[in-house]
Protein backbone atom coordinates (compact mmCIF):
# COMPACT_ATOMS: atom_id res chain seq x y z
CA UNK A 1 -7.89 -91.10 -1.07
CA UNK A 2 -5.48 -88.56 0.42
CA UNK A 3 -6.79 -85.79 -1.80
CA UNK A 4 -10.39 -86.42 -0.81
CA UNK A 5 -9.49 -86.32 2.87
CA UNK A 6 -7.51 -83.08 2.34
CA UNK A 7 -10.44 -81.35 0.59
CA UNK A 8 -12.93 -82.56 3.23
CA UNK A 9 -10.74 -81.22 6.05
CA UNK A 10 -10.22 -77.93 4.20
CA UNK A 11 -13.99 -77.58 3.66
CA UNK A 12 -14.68 -78.30 7.34
CA UNK A 13 -12.08 -75.73 8.40
CA UNK A 14 -13.59 -73.06 6.15
CA UNK A 15 -17.08 -73.87 7.45
CA UNK A 16 -15.93 -73.56 11.07
CA UNK A 17 -14.22 -70.22 10.36
CA UNK A 18 -17.39 -68.82 8.79
CA UNK A 19 -19.52 -69.97 11.73
CA UNK A 20 -17.05 -68.49 14.22
CA UNK A 21 -17.03 -65.16 12.33
CA UNK A 22 -20.84 -64.97 12.49
CA UNK A 23 -20.74 -65.49 16.26
CA UNK A 24 -18.13 -62.76 16.68
CA UNK A 25 -20.07 -60.23 14.61
CA UNK A 26 -23.38 -60.70 16.44
CA UNK A 27 -22.30 -59.22 19.83
CA UNK A 28 -20.72 -56.24 18.07
CA UNK A 29 -24.01 -55.47 16.32
CA UNK A 30 -26.00 -55.71 19.57
CA UNK A 31 -23.53 -53.39 21.33
CA UNK A 32 -24.03 -50.80 18.61
CA UNK A 33 -27.81 -51.06 18.96
CA UNK A 34 -27.52 -50.63 22.73
CA UNK A 35 -25.41 -47.51 22.33
CA UNK A 36 -27.96 -46.02 19.99
CA UNK A 37 -30.88 -46.82 22.28
CA UNK A 38 -29.09 -45.50 25.39
CA UNK A 39 -28.59 -42.05 23.89
CA UNK A 40 -31.33 -39.76 25.23
CA UNK A 41 -31.97 -36.11 24.65
CA UNK A 42 -30.95 -34.03 27.66
CA UNK A 43 -32.92 -30.88 28.47
CA UNK A 44 -32.48 -28.25 31.24
CA UNK A 45 -35.07 -27.88 33.97
CA UNK A 46 -36.55 -24.35 33.84
CA UNK A 47 -36.96 -24.33 37.64
CA UNK A 48 -33.65 -25.60 39.03
CA UNK A 49 -31.42 -25.71 35.93
CA UNK A 50 -30.47 -29.38 36.22
CA UNK A 51 -30.14 -31.27 32.93
CA UNK A 52 -32.24 -34.45 32.76
CA UNK A 53 -33.31 -37.02 30.19
CA UNK A 54 -36.34 -35.81 28.29
CA UNK A 55 -38.02 -39.19 28.73
CA UNK A 56 -37.85 -38.83 32.53
CA UNK A 57 -39.42 -35.37 32.70
CA UNK A 58 -42.73 -34.27 34.20
CA UNK A 59 -45.05 -31.91 32.30
CA UNK A 60 -46.51 -28.90 34.14
CA UNK A 61 -48.19 -25.94 32.40
CA UNK A 62 -46.70 -26.83 29.00
CA UNK A 63 -43.20 -27.02 30.53
CA UNK A 64 -41.12 -30.08 31.22
CA UNK A 65 -39.43 -30.17 34.62
CA UNK A 66 -37.05 -32.70 36.16
CA UNK A 67 -39.04 -33.92 39.18
CA UNK A 68 -42.26 -33.70 41.16
CA UNK A 69 -40.64 -31.14 43.48
CA UNK A 70 -39.90 -28.82 40.58
CA UNK A 71 -43.40 -29.49 39.24
CA UNK A 72 -44.87 -28.23 42.51
CA UNK A 73 -42.64 -25.14 42.44
CA UNK A 74 -43.57 -24.42 38.80
CA UNK A 75 -47.30 -24.74 39.46
CA UNK A 76 -47.24 -22.09 42.25
């Protein structure tokens, strides 16, 4: 009887450790995905020289500028 109880407790302990490990690994994986998605290509504005994220740029005459103000200056 004592051996059965020992093996059941050992199995439960191993199961809990595996479940806890899975929970600890999940946030680490999501942090890595966030870091990868946050990285954006930075480009210089041809009008004012400020570096900005390419995704935030405004296109004017086949050039990407940082803002509407620079877009107006580039179109003149």
